[in-house]
Amino acid sequence: MNSKRPTSSLRGIKSIQTAGIRGIPKVLRSGYLDLYTLGREKDRLENEISALDKRRGAAAAQLDNVVKRVVQLQKETSAEPVKNKKNAYGAHAKSLKTMSMKY
């Protein structure tokens, strides 16, 4: 039920920059431009990793809260039979009265 398969996306495709392909021959281009563009890419990726770490932490905290709530609700539902429980207003829970209607 809980399958975790990696999803393919455009992020997995190599770009011209990651492949190292340039429009100018290596002899004519400057190494400074490559250093600059690689430095910018490095900074961008570091920022992306820090943002992902923050999102991972928030998601982990939410998951912990959900798991705690599920465990609490499982204990509550298995502890007592339904007919002895009180609802939020303090009244005992009763079965609903139903009637059939024809349209």
C-alpha atoms as a PDB file:
ATOM      1  CA  MET A   1       0.000   0.000   0.000  1.00  0.00           C
ATOM      2  CA  ASN A   2       2.822   2.394   0.788  1.00  0.00           C
ATOM      3  CA  SER A   3       5.039   2.077  -2.254  1.00  0.00           C
ATOM      4  CA  LYS A   4       7.861   4.576  -2.518  1.00  0.00           C
ATOM      5  CA  ARG A   5       9.045   4.593  -6.097  1.00  0.00           C
ATOM      6  CA  PRO A   6      11.241   7.371  -7.384  1.00  0.00           C
ATOM      7  CA  THR A   7       9.365   9.562  -9.804  1.00  0.00           C
ATOM      8  CA  SER A   8      11.122  10.677 -12.942  1.00  0.00           C
ATOM      9  CA  SER A   9      11.030  14.358 -13.754  1.00  0.00           C
ATOM     10  CA  LEU A  10      12.823  17.000 -15.769  1.00  0.00           C
ATOM     11  CA  ARG A  11      15.316  17.431 -12.932  1.00  0.00           C
ATOM     12  CA  GLY A  12      16.905  14.089 -13.815  1.00  0.00           C
ATOM     13  CA  ILE A  13      17.741  15.070 -17.384  1.00  0.00           C
ATOM     14  CA  LYS A  14      21.271  16.296 -18.072  1.00  0.00           C
ATOM     15  CA  SER A  15      21.479  19.862 -19.245  1.00  0.00           C
ATOM     16  CA  ILE A  16      24.079  21.395 -21.515  1.00  0.00           C
ATOM     17  CA  GLN A  17      25.757  22.915 -18.473  1.00  0.00           C
ATOM     18  CA  THR A  18      26.019  19.623 -16.565  1.00  0.00           C
ATOM     19  CA  ALA A  19      27.275  17.842 -19.664  1.00  0.00           C
ATOM     20  CA  GLY A  20      29.991  20.506 -20.142  1.00  0.00           C
ATOM     21  CA  ILE A  21      29.003  21.428 -23.684  1.00  0.00           C
ATOM     22  CA  ARG A  22      29.755  24.994 -24.779  1.00  0.00           C
ATOM     23  CA  GLY A  23      29.125  26.894 -27.987  1.00  0.00           C
ATOM     24  CA  ILE A  24      32.617  28.382 -28.065  1.00  0.00           C
ATOM     25  CA  PRO A  25      35.700  26.234 -28.675  1.00  0.00           C
ATOM     26  CA  LYS A  26      37.760  25.606 -25.543  1.00  0.00           C
ATOM     27  CA  VAL A  27      40.729  27.534 -26.895  1.00  0.00           C
ATOM     28  CA  LEU A  28      38.716  30.747 -27.338  1.00  0.00           C
ATOM     29  CA  ARG A  29      36.669  30.733 -24.139  1.00  0.00           C
ATOM     30  CA  SER A  30      37.754  31.990 -20.770  1.00  0.00           C
ATOM     31  CA  GLY A  31      38.063  29.741 -17.750  1.00  0.00           C
ATOM     32  CA  TYR A  32      36.794  32.596 -15.591  1.00  0.00           C
ATOM     33  CA  LEU A  33      33.350  32.419 -17.133  1.00  0.00           C
ATOM     34  CA  ASP A  34      33.176  28.689 -16.408  1.00  0.00           C
ATOM     35  CA  LEU A  35      34.291  29.314 -12.819  1.00  0.00           C
ATOM     36  CA  TYR A  36      31.634  31.987 -12.431  1.00  0.00           C
ATOM     37  CA  THR A  37      28.800  29.886 -13.841  1.00  0.00           C
ATOM     38  CA  LEU A  38      29.844  26.839 -11.815  1.00  0.00           C
ATOM     39  CA  GLY A  39      30.043  28.974  -8.667  1.00  0.00           C
ATOM     40  CA  ARG A  40      26.521  30.267  -9.268  1.00  0.00           C
ATOM     41  CA  GLU A  41      25.253  26.733  -9.870  1.00  0.00           C
ATOM     42  CA  LYS A  42      26.957  25.569  -6.664  1.00  0.00           C
ATOM     43  CA  ASP A  43      25.299  28.370  -4.659  1.00  0.00           C
ATOM     44  CA  ARG A  44      21.894  27.589  -6.195  1.00  0.00           C
ATOM     45  CA  LEU A  45      22.200  23.901  -5.358  1.00  0.00           C
ATOM     46  CA  GLU A  46      23.305  24.638  -1.779  1.00  0.00           C
ATOM     47  CA  ASN A  47      20.252  26.887  -1.327  1.00  0.00           C
ATOM     48  CA  GLU A  48      18.013  24.192  -2.767  1.00  0.00           C
ATOM     49  CA  ILE A  49      19.451  21.580  -0.396  1.00  0.00           C
ATOM     50  CA  SER A  50      18.871  23.830   2.628  1.00  0.00           C
ATOM     51  CA  ALA A  51      15.285  24.475   1.520  1.00  0.00           C
ATOM     52  CA  LEU A  52      14.733  20.737   1.086  1.00  0.00           C
ATOM     53  CA  ASP A  53      16.158  20.090   4.560  1.00  0.00           C
ATOM     54  CA  LYS A  54      13.670  22.577   6.035  1.00  0.00           C
ATOM     55  CA  ARG A  55      10.795  20.954   4.158  1.00  0.00           C
ATOM     56  CA  ARG A  56      11.956  17.491   5.262  1.00  0.00           C
ATOM     57  CA  GLY A  57      12.029  18.629   8.907  1.00  0.00           C
ATOM     58  CA  ALA A  58       8.549  20.119   8.696  1.00  0.00           C
ATOM     59  CA  ALA A  59       7.191  17.003   6.988  1.00  0.00           C
ATOM     60  CA  ALA A  60       8.797  14.760   9.619  1.00  0.00           C
ATOM     61  CA  ALA A  61       7.227  16.815  12.414  1.00  0.00           C
ATOM     62  CA  GLN A  62       3.803  16.597  10.760  1.00  0.00           C
ATOM     63  CA  LEU A  63       4.225  12.861  10.281  1.00  0.00           C
ATOM     64  CA  ASP A  64       5.092  12.428  13.962  1.00  0.00           C
ATOM     65  CA  ASN A  65       1.952  14.357  14.938  1.00  0.00           C
ATOM     66  CA  VAL A  66      -0.202  12.224  12.654  1.00  0.00           C
ATOM     67  CA  VAL A  67       1.273   8.985  13.986  1.00  0.00           C
ATOM     68  CA  LYS A  68       0.702  10.098  17.590  1.00  0.00           C
ATOM     69  CA  ARG A  69      -2.889  11.040  16.800  1.00  0.00           C
ATOM     70  CA  VAL A  70      -3.527   7.699  15.054  1.00  0.00           C
ATOM     71  CA  VAL A  71      -2.169   5.785  18.047  1.00  0.00           C
ATOM     72  CA  GLN A  72      -4.273   7.872  20.418  1.00  0.00           C
ATOM     73  CA  LEU A  73      -7.439   7.336  18.374  1.00  0.00           C
ATOM     74  CA  GLN A  74      -6.767   3.597  18.117  1.00  0.00           C
ATOM     75  CA  LYS A  75      -6.460   3.385  21.891  1.00  0.00           C
ATOM     76  CA  GLU A  76      -9.666   5.380  22.368  1.00  0.00           C
ATOM     77  CA  THR A  77     -11.680   3.302  19.929  1.00  0.00           C
ATOM     78  CA  SER A  78     -10.494  -0.037  21.245  1.00  0.00           C
ATOM     79  CA  ALA A  79     -10.741   0.883  24.961  1.00  0.00           C
ATOM     80  CA  GLU A  80     -14.531   1.089  25.421  1.00  0.00           C
ATOM     81  CA  PRO A  81     -17.592  -0.124  23.581  1.00  0.00           C
ATOM     82  CA  VAL A  82     -19.483   2.514  21.612  1.00  0.00           C
ATOM     83  CA  LYS A  83     -22.688   2.413  23.692  1.00  0.00           C
ATOM     84  CA  ASN A  84     -20.930   3.580  26.883  1.00  0.00           C
ATOM     85  CA  LYS A  85     -19.071   6.475  25.279  1.00  0.00           C
ATOM     86  CA  LYS A  86     -20.188  10.068  25.600  1.00  0.00           C
ATOM     87  CA  ASN A  87     -20.105  12.484  22.716  1.00  0.00           C
ATOM     88  CA  ALA A  88     -18.492  15.927  22.811  1.00  0.00           C
ATOM     89  CA  TYR A  89     -21.518  17.450  24.610  1.00  0.00           C
ATOM     90  CA  GLY A  90     -21.513  14.892  27.421  1.00  0.00           C
ATOM     91  CA  ALA A  91     -24.560  12.938  26.240  1.00  0.00           C
ATOM     92  CA  HIS A  92     -24.331   9.201  25.712  1.00  0.00           C
ATOM     93  CA  ALA A  93     -23.889   8.154  22.113  1.00  0.00           C
ATOM     94  CA  LYS A  94     -27.078   6.707  20.664  1.00  0.00           C
ATOM     95  CA  SER A  95     -27.759   5.001  17.426  1.00  0.00           C
ATOM     96  CA  LEU A  96     -29.314   7.245  14.816  1.00  0.00           C
ATOM     97  CA  LYS A  97     -32.982   6.896  14.071  1.00  0.00           C
ATOM     98  CA  THR A  98     -33.550   6.469  10.373  1.00  0.00           C
ATOM     99  CA  MET A  99     -36.533   6.468   8.116  1.00  0.00           C
ATOM    100  CA  SER A 100     -36.943   5.771   4.449  1.00  0.00           C
ATOM    101  CA  MET A 101     -37.989   8.476   2.030  1.00  0.00           C
ATOM    102  CA  LYS A 102     -39.315   8.113  -1.465  1.00  0.00           C
ATOM    103  CA  TYR A 103     -38.500  10.744  -4.051  1.00  0.00           C
END
